[in-house]
């Protein structure tokens, strides 16, 4: 899991919650990013590692490149215009990265904000502060 948030307290809290495994006994590997550029970089960098990113928890409001625009950029990885000059393997890898599950995080819990997150390409959105049980149910739902 990649936790992308510019607030170090939220990053620490989510990392602790995820690494604890929610009482299931299995720990989740967590990487962190402090803005959208960092998130995209880590998603690509870790794609060939033994623990690639399969889920991103992304704050909607981060400096430099916010979560909504970061999600749009990730989803564009498989855009046909970007495939020119790429090998079949590169196109397949770009498509896999573009399909990474993304759950938005926001302190603005208005329905319109959640819709904005979904419209940007996020799979789900959850309000802050994040409740552990709600987070685990949501992760299980999107991974199912």
N, C-alpha and C. Protein backbone atom coordinates (compact mmCIF):
# COMPACT_ATOMS: atom_id res chain seq x y z
N UNK A 1 0.85 -1.18 0.00
CA UNK A 1 0.00 0.00 0.00
C UNK A 1 0.90 1.24 0.00
N UNK A 2 0.48 2.24 -0.78
CA UNK A 2 1.17 3.52 -0.78
C UNK A 2 0.25 4.53 -0.11
N UNK A 3 0.72 5.16 0.96
CA UNK A 3 -0.02 6.22 1.63
C UNK A 3 0.56 7.54 1.13
N UNK A 4 -0.28 8.31 0.42
CA UNK A 4 0.15 9.59 -0.14
C UNK A 4 -0.61 10.71 0.57
N UNK A 5 0.07 11.42 1.44
CA UNK A 5 -0.53 12.51 2.22
C UNK A 5 0.59 13.43 2.68
N UNK A 6 0.32 14.73 2.69
CA UNK A 6 1.34 15.68 3.11
C UNK A 6 1.36 15.91 4.61
N UNK A 7 0.41 15.33 5.34
CA UNK A 7 0.35 15.50 6.79
C UNK A 7 1.08 14.32 7.45
N UNK A 8 2.24 14.57 8.07
CA UNK A 8 3.02 13.47 8.66
C UNK A 8 2.30 12.71 9.76
N UNK A 9 1.40 13.37 10.47
CA UNK A 9 0.64 12.68 11.53
C UNK A 9 -0.31 11.66 10.91
N UNK A 10 -0.98 12.04 9.84
CA UNK A 10 -1.89 11.11 9.16
C UNK A 10 -1.10 9.96 8.54
N UNK A 11 0.04 10.29 7.94
CA UNK A 11 0.87 9.24 7.35
C UNK A 11 1.31 8.24 8.42
N UNK A 12 1.78 8.74 9.54
CA UNK A 12 2.22 7.86 10.65
C UNK A 12 1.06 7.01 11.16
N UNK A 13 -0.10 7.63 11.34
CA UNK A 13 -1.26 6.92 11.87
C UNK A 13 -1.71 5.83 10.91
N UNK A 14 -1.86 6.16 9.63
CA UNK A 14 -2.29 5.17 8.64
C UNK A 14 -1.26 4.05 8.49
N UNK A 15 0.01 4.41 8.54
CA UNK A 15 1.06 3.39 8.45
C UNK A 15 0.95 2.42 9.61
N UNK A 16 0.76 2.94 10.82
CA UNK A 16 0.62 2.08 12.00
C UNK A 16 -0.60 1.17 11.88
N UNK A 17 -1.72 1.75 11.46
CA UNK A 17 -2.96 0.98 11.32
C UNK A 17 -2.77 -0.14 10.29
N UNK A 18 -2.19 0.19 9.15
CA UNK A 18 -2.01 -0.80 8.09
C UNK A 18 -0.99 -1.87 8.47
N UNK A 19 0.12 -1.45 9.04
CA UNK A 19 1.15 -2.41 9.42
C UNK A 19 0.70 -3.34 10.53
N UNK A 20 -0.27 -2.91 11.33
CA UNK A 20 -0.78 -3.77 12.40
C UNK A 20 -1.66 -4.88 11.84
N UNK A 21 -2.10 -4.73 10.60
CA UNK A 21 -2.92 -5.78 9.98
C UNK A 21 -4.35 -5.79 10.45
N UNK A 22 -4.76 -4.83 11.21
CA UNK A 22 -6.15 -4.75 11.66
C UNK A 22 -6.57 -5.90 12.53
N UNK A 23 -5.61 -6.50 13.23
CA UNK A 23 -5.96 -7.61 14.11
C UNK A 23 -6.02 -8.94 13.37
N UNK A 24 -5.78 -8.95 12.06
CA UNK A 24 -5.85 -10.19 11.28
C UNK A 24 -4.58 -11.03 11.42
N UNK A 25 -3.56 -10.43 12.02
CA UNK A 25 -2.31 -11.16 12.19
C UNK A 25 -1.37 -11.01 11.00
N UNK A 26 -1.86 -10.47 9.88
CA UNK A 26 -0.98 -10.29 8.73
C UNK A 26 -0.69 -8.81 8.53
N UNK A 27 0.58 -8.50 8.45
CA UNK A 27 1.03 -7.12 8.30
C UNK A 27 0.95 -6.71 6.84
N UNK A 28 0.68 -5.44 6.60
CA UNK A 28 0.63 -4.89 5.25
C UNK A 28 1.87 -4.03 5.06
N UNK A 29 2.56 -4.22 3.94
CA UNK A 29 3.73 -3.42 3.62
C UNK A 29 3.28 -2.03 3.18
N UNK A 30 3.87 -0.99 3.78
CA UNK A 30 3.46 0.39 3.51
C UNK A 30 4.64 1.22 3.02
N UNK A 31 4.40 1.97 1.95
CA UNK A 31 5.32 2.99 1.46
C UNK A 31 4.59 4.32 1.59
N UNK A 32 5.34 5.41 1.63
CA UNK A 32 4.69 6.70 1.79
C UNK A 32 5.17 7.71 0.75
N UNK A 33 4.31 8.69 0.48
CA UNK A 33 4.63 9.80 -0.43
C UNK A 33 4.01 11.05 0.16
N UNK A 34 4.67 12.20 -0.06
CA UNK A 34 4.18 13.44 0.54
C UNK A 34 3.47 14.36 -0.46
N UNK A 35 3.47 13.99 -1.73
CA UNK A 35 2.73 14.76 -2.74
C UNK A 35 2.50 13.87 -3.96
N UNK A 36 1.78 14.39 -4.93
CA UNK A 36 1.42 13.59 -6.09
C UNK A 36 2.61 13.16 -6.94
N UNK A 37 3.58 14.05 -7.11
CA UNK A 37 4.77 13.69 -7.89
C UNK A 37 5.52 12.53 -7.24
N UNK A 38 5.64 12.61 -5.92
CA UNK A 38 6.31 11.56 -5.16
C UNK A 38 5.52 10.24 -5.28
N UNK A 39 4.21 10.32 -5.25
CA UNK A 39 3.37 9.12 -5.36
C UNK A 39 3.56 8.44 -6.73
N UNK A 40 3.53 9.23 -7.79
CA UNK A 40 3.72 8.66 -9.14
C UNK A 40 5.11 8.05 -9.26
N UNK A 41 6.12 8.74 -8.76
CA UNK A 41 7.48 8.24 -8.81
C UNK A 41 7.61 6.91 -8.08
N UNK A 42 7.05 6.82 -6.89
CA UNK A 42 7.15 5.57 -6.11
C UNK A 42 6.34 4.45 -6.75
N UNK A 43 5.18 4.77 -7.32
CA UNK A 43 4.37 3.76 -8.00
C UNK A 43 5.18 3.13 -9.13
N UNK A 44 5.84 3.96 -9.94
CA UNK A 44 6.64 3.47 -11.06
C UNK A 44 7.89 2.74 -10.56
N UNK A 45 8.60 3.35 -9.61
CA UNK A 45 9.84 2.78 -9.10
C UNK A 45 9.61 1.39 -8.48
N UNK A 46 8.53 1.24 -7.73
CA UNK A 46 8.28 -0.02 -7.04
C UNK A 46 7.56 -1.05 -7.90
N UNK A 47 7.20 -0.69 -9.13
CA UNK A 47 6.42 -1.60 -9.98
C UNK A 47 7.19 -2.88 -10.31
N UNK A 48 8.50 -2.82 -10.31
CA UNK A 48 9.29 -4.01 -10.62
C UNK A 48 9.93 -4.64 -9.37
N UNK A 49 9.55 -4.14 -8.20
CA UNK A 49 10.12 -4.68 -6.96
C UNK A 49 9.36 -5.94 -6.56
N UNK A 50 9.82 -6.56 -5.50
CA UNK A 50 9.13 -7.76 -5.01
C UNK A 50 7.81 -7.42 -4.33
N UNK A 51 7.62 -6.13 -3.98
CA UNK A 51 6.37 -5.68 -3.36
C UNK A 51 5.83 -4.45 -4.10
N UNK A 52 5.29 -4.67 -5.32
CA UNK A 52 4.75 -3.52 -6.05
C UNK A 52 3.50 -2.96 -5.35
N UNK A 53 3.17 -1.73 -5.65
CA UNK A 53 2.01 -1.06 -5.05
C UNK A 53 0.74 -1.62 -5.68
N UNK A 54 -0.18 -2.11 -4.87
CA UNK A 54 -1.46 -2.59 -5.40
C UNK A 54 -2.64 -1.73 -4.94
N UNK A 55 -2.37 -0.77 -4.04
CA UNK A 55 -3.41 0.11 -3.53
C UNK A 55 -2.75 1.42 -3.08
N UNK A 56 -3.41 2.53 -3.42
CA UNK A 56 -2.93 3.84 -2.96
C UNK A 56 -4.02 4.48 -2.11
N UNK A 57 -3.66 4.94 -0.92
CA UNK A 57 -4.54 5.78 -0.10
C UNK A 57 -4.04 7.20 -0.34
N UNK A 58 -4.85 8.02 -1.03
CA UNK A 58 -4.37 9.31 -1.51
C UNK A 58 -5.20 10.47 -1.00
N UNK A 59 -4.51 11.40 -0.33
CA UNK A 59 -5.14 12.64 0.11
C UNK A 59 -5.55 13.44 -1.12
N UNK A 60 -6.73 14.03 -1.08
CA UNK A 60 -7.19 14.83 -2.21
C UNK A 60 -6.45 16.16 -2.29
N UNK A 61 -6.04 16.70 -1.14
CA UNK A 61 -5.40 18.02 -1.09
C UNK A 61 -3.95 17.90 -0.65
N UNK A 62 -3.04 17.82 -1.63
CA UNK A 62 -1.61 17.80 -1.34
C UNK A 62 -0.96 18.93 -2.13
N UNK A 63 0.20 19.39 -1.68
CA UNK A 63 0.89 20.46 -2.42
C UNK A 63 1.50 19.94 -3.73
N UNK A 64 1.76 20.84 -4.62
CA UNK A 64 2.42 20.60 -5.91
C UNK A 64 1.52 19.88 -6.90
N UNK A 65 1.07 18.67 -6.59
CA UNK A 65 0.15 17.92 -7.44
C UNK A 65 -0.84 17.23 -6.51
N UNK A 66 -2.09 17.71 -6.52
CA UNK A 66 -3.06 17.18 -5.57
C UNK A 66 -3.50 15.76 -5.95
N UNK A 67 -4.25 15.14 -5.07
CA UNK A 67 -4.66 13.76 -5.27
C UNK A 67 -5.56 13.54 -6.47
N UNK A 68 -6.42 14.51 -6.77
CA UNK A 68 -7.31 14.38 -7.92
C UNK A 68 -6.51 14.37 -9.22
N UNK A 69 -5.59 15.32 -9.36
CA UNK A 69 -4.77 15.38 -10.58
C UNK A 69 -3.77 14.23 -10.65
N UNK A 70 -3.28 13.79 -9.52
CA UNK A 70 -2.39 12.63 -9.50
C UNK A 70 -3.12 11.40 -10.01
N UNK A 71 -4.35 11.22 -9.55
CA UNK A 71 -5.15 10.08 -10.01
C UNK A 71 -5.38 10.16 -11.51
N UNK A 72 -5.72 11.34 -12.01
CA UNK A 72 -5.92 11.51 -13.46
C UNK A 72 -4.66 11.13 -14.23
N UNK A 73 -3.50 11.55 -13.73
CA UNK A 73 -2.24 11.22 -14.40
C UNK A 73 -1.98 9.72 -14.40
N UNK A 74 -2.23 9.06 -13.27
CA UNK A 74 -2.03 7.61 -13.19
C UNK A 74 -2.97 6.90 -14.16
N UNK A 75 -4.21 7.32 -14.22
CA UNK A 75 -5.19 6.69 -15.12
C UNK A 75 -4.80 6.90 -16.58
N UNK A 76 -4.10 7.99 -16.90
CA UNK A 76 -3.69 8.27 -18.29
C UNK A 76 -2.51 7.41 -18.74
N UNK A 77 -1.90 6.64 -17.85
CA UNK A 77 -0.76 5.81 -18.24
C UNK A 77 -1.12 4.91 -19.41
N UNK A 78 -2.36 4.46 -19.48
CA UNK A 78 -2.72 3.55 -20.57
C UNK A 78 -3.38 4.26 -21.74
N UNK A 79 -3.31 5.58 -21.77
CA UNK A 79 -3.86 6.37 -22.87
C UNK A 79 -3.14 6.00 -24.16
N UNK A 80 -3.88 5.73 -25.24
CA UNK A 80 -3.25 5.31 -26.50
C UNK A 80 -2.17 6.26 -27.01
N UNK A 81 -2.32 7.56 -26.78
CA UNK A 81 -1.33 8.52 -27.24
C UNK A 81 0.02 8.35 -26.59
N UNK A 82 0.05 7.75 -25.41
CA UNK A 82 1.31 7.54 -24.70
C UNK A 82 2.00 6.25 -25.11
N UNK A 83 1.31 5.39 -25.86
CA UNK A 83 1.84 4.07 -26.20
C UNK A 83 2.79 4.10 -27.39
N UNK A 84 2.81 5.17 -28.14
CA UNK A 84 3.64 5.24 -29.33
C UNK A 84 5.11 5.05 -28.95
N UNK A 85 5.74 4.12 -29.64
CA UNK A 85 7.15 3.84 -29.39
C UNK A 85 7.40 2.90 -28.24
N UNK A 86 6.34 2.44 -27.57
CA UNK A 86 6.51 1.52 -26.45
C UNK A 86 6.39 0.08 -26.94
N UNK A 87 7.12 -0.81 -26.30
CA UNK A 87 7.01 -2.23 -26.59
C UNK A 87 5.70 -2.75 -25.99
N UNK A 88 5.31 -3.93 -26.40
CA UNK A 88 4.10 -4.55 -25.84
C UNK A 88 4.22 -4.68 -24.33
N UNK A 89 5.39 -5.08 -23.86
CA UNK A 89 5.61 -5.23 -22.41
C UNK A 89 5.44 -3.89 -21.69
N UNK A 90 5.98 -2.82 -22.26
CA UNK A 90 5.85 -1.50 -21.66
C UNK A 90 4.38 -1.05 -21.63
N UNK A 91 3.65 -1.32 -22.70
CA UNK A 91 2.23 -0.95 -22.73
C UNK A 91 1.44 -1.74 -21.69
N UNK A 92 1.78 -3.02 -21.53
CA UNK A 92 1.09 -3.85 -20.53
C UNK A 92 1.39 -3.36 -19.12
N UNK A 93 2.64 -2.99 -18.86
CA UNK A 93 3.02 -2.48 -17.54
C UNK A 93 2.33 -1.15 -17.26
N UNK A 94 2.27 -0.27 -18.26
CA UNK A 94 1.58 1.01 -18.10
C UNK A 94 0.10 0.79 -17.80
N UNK A 95 -0.52 -0.15 -18.48
CA UNK A 95 -1.94 -0.44 -18.24
C UNK A 95 -2.14 -0.99 -16.83
N UNK A 96 -1.22 -1.84 -16.37
CA UNK A 96 -1.33 -2.39 -15.02
C UNK A 96 -1.22 -1.27 -13.98
N UNK A 97 -0.26 -0.36 -14.17
CA UNK A 97 -0.10 0.75 -13.23
C UNK A 97 -1.33 1.66 -13.27
N UNK A 98 -1.88 1.88 -14.45
CA UNK A 98 -3.06 2.75 -14.59
C UNK A 98 -4.27 2.19 -13.86
N UNK A 99 -4.29 0.87 -13.67
CA UNK A 99 -5.42 0.22 -13.00
C UNK A 99 -5.22 0.04 -11.50
N UNK A 100 -4.14 0.61 -10.95
CA UNK A 100 -3.89 0.53 -9.51
C UNK A 100 -5.10 1.07 -8.76
N UNK A 101 -5.53 0.35 -7.75
CA UNK A 101 -6.67 0.80 -6.94
C UNK A 101 -6.29 2.04 -6.15
N UNK A 102 -7.19 3.03 -6.14
CA UNK A 102 -6.92 4.28 -5.43
C UNK A 102 -8.13 4.64 -4.57
N UNK A 103 -7.87 4.82 -3.28
CA UNK A 103 -8.89 5.28 -2.33
C UNK A 103 -8.50 6.69 -1.91
N UNK A 104 -9.41 7.64 -2.14
CA UNK A 104 -9.17 9.02 -1.76
C UNK A 104 -9.39 9.24 -0.27
N UNK A 105 -8.65 10.19 0.28
CA UNK A 105 -8.79 10.59 1.69
C UNK A 105 -9.09 12.08 1.72
N UNK A 106 -10.14 12.46 2.45
CA UNK A 106 -10.48 13.88 2.51
C UNK A 106 -11.13 14.25 3.83
N UNK A 107 -10.84 15.46 4.27
CA UNK A 107 -11.50 16.01 5.45
C UNK A 107 -12.83 16.65 5.09
N UNK A 108 -13.07 16.85 3.81
CA UNK A 108 -14.31 17.45 3.31
C UNK A 108 -15.26 16.30 2.95
N UNK A 109 -16.19 16.01 3.84
CA UNK A 109 -17.03 14.82 3.67
C UNK A 109 -18.35 15.10 2.95
N UNK A 110 -18.42 16.22 2.24
CA UNK A 110 -19.62 16.47 1.44
C UNK A 110 -19.69 15.48 0.29
N UNK A 111 -20.90 15.08 -0.06
CA UNK A 111 -21.12 14.13 -1.15
C UNK A 111 -20.49 14.64 -2.45
N UNK A 112 -20.56 15.95 -2.69
CA UNK A 112 -19.99 16.51 -3.91
C UNK A 112 -18.48 16.28 -3.99
N UNK A 113 -17.81 16.31 -2.86
CA UNK A 113 -16.35 16.07 -2.83
C UNK A 113 -16.04 14.61 -3.13
N UNK A 114 -16.87 13.70 -2.59
CA UNK A 114 -16.69 12.28 -2.86
C UNK A 114 -16.93 12.00 -4.35
N UNK A 115 -17.91 12.67 -4.95
CA UNK A 115 -18.19 12.51 -6.37
C UNK A 115 -17.04 13.05 -7.20
N UNK A 116 -16.46 14.16 -6.78
CA UNK A 116 -15.31 14.72 -7.48
C UNK A 116 -14.15 13.72 -7.48
N UNK A 117 -13.96 13.05 -6.35
CA UNK A 117 -12.91 12.04 -6.25
C UNK A 117 -13.18 10.88 -7.21
N UNK A 118 -14.40 10.40 -7.23
CA UNK A 118 -14.76 9.30 -8.13
C UNK A 118 -14.62 9.73 -9.59
N UNK A 119 -15.03 10.95 -9.90
CA UNK A 119 -14.93 11.45 -11.27
C UNK A 119 -13.49 11.62 -11.74
N UNK A 120 -12.56 11.80 -10.81
CA UNK A 120 -11.15 11.92 -11.17
C UNK A 120 -10.54 10.55 -11.50
N UNK A 121 -11.25 9.49 -11.12
CA UNK A 121 -10.76 8.14 -11.38
C UNK A 121 -10.48 7.32 -10.14
N UNK A 122 -10.70 7.91 -8.96
CA UNK A 122 -10.49 7.15 -7.72
C UNK A 122 -11.57 6.07 -7.61
N UNK A 123 -11.18 4.93 -7.04
CA UNK A 123 -12.12 3.82 -6.91
C UNK A 123 -13.12 4.05 -5.78
N UNK A 124 -12.66 4.70 -4.72
CA UNK A 124 -13.51 5.01 -3.57
C UNK A 124 -12.93 6.24 -2.89
N UNK A 125 -13.66 6.76 -1.91
CA UNK A 125 -13.18 7.88 -1.13
C UNK A 125 -13.68 7.71 0.30
N UNK A 126 -12.86 8.11 1.26
CA UNK A 126 -13.20 7.97 2.67
C UNK A 126 -12.87 9.29 3.38
N UNK A 127 -13.68 9.63 4.36
CA UNK A 127 -13.46 10.86 5.10
C UNK A 127 -12.43 10.71 6.20
N UNK A 128 -11.81 11.82 6.53
CA UNK A 128 -10.87 11.88 7.66
C UNK A 128 -11.61 12.51 8.83
N UNK A 129 -11.34 12.15 10.05
CA UNK A 129 -10.35 11.15 10.42
C UNK A 129 -10.84 9.75 10.04
N UNK A 130 -9.89 8.91 9.66
CA UNK A 130 -10.19 7.56 9.19
C UNK A 130 -10.42 6.65 10.39
N UNK A 131 -11.52 5.92 10.34
CA UNK A 131 -11.84 4.93 11.37
C UNK A 131 -11.28 3.58 10.89
N UNK A 132 -10.49 2.95 11.74
CA UNK A 132 -9.79 1.71 11.39
C UNK A 132 -10.71 0.68 10.75
N UNK A 133 -11.81 0.37 11.38
CA UNK A 133 -12.71 -0.67 10.89
C UNK A 133 -13.29 -0.29 9.53
N UNK A 134 -13.64 0.97 9.37
CA UNK A 134 -14.19 1.45 8.09
C UNK A 134 -13.13 1.32 7.00
N UNK A 135 -11.89 1.69 7.31
CA UNK A 135 -10.80 1.60 6.35
C UNK A 135 -10.61 0.15 5.91
N UNK A 136 -10.57 -0.78 6.86
CA UNK A 136 -10.35 -2.18 6.50
C UNK A 136 -11.50 -2.74 5.67
N UNK A 137 -12.74 -2.36 6.01
CA UNK A 137 -13.88 -2.82 5.21
C UNK A 137 -13.78 -2.28 3.79
N UNK A 138 -13.41 -1.03 3.65
CA UNK A 138 -13.29 -0.41 2.33
C UNK A 138 -12.17 -1.06 1.53
N UNK A 139 -11.04 -1.32 2.15
CA UNK A 139 -9.93 -1.99 1.46
C UNK A 139 -10.36 -3.38 1.00
N UNK A 140 -11.02 -4.12 1.86
CA UNK A 140 -11.50 -5.44 1.48
C UNK A 140 -12.48 -5.37 0.33
N UNK A 141 -13.34 -4.36 0.33
CA UNK A 141 -14.34 -4.20 -0.74
C UNK A 141 -13.69 -3.90 -2.08
N UNK A 142 -12.70 -3.00 -2.11
CA UNK A 142 -12.08 -2.64 -3.39
C UNK A 142 -11.14 -3.74 -3.89
N UNK A 143 -10.57 -4.52 -2.99
CA UNK A 143 -9.68 -5.60 -3.41
C UNK A 143 -10.44 -6.86 -3.82
N UNK A 144 -11.72 -6.92 -3.48
CA UNK A 144 -12.53 -8.12 -3.79
C UNK A 144 -12.85 -8.21 -5.27
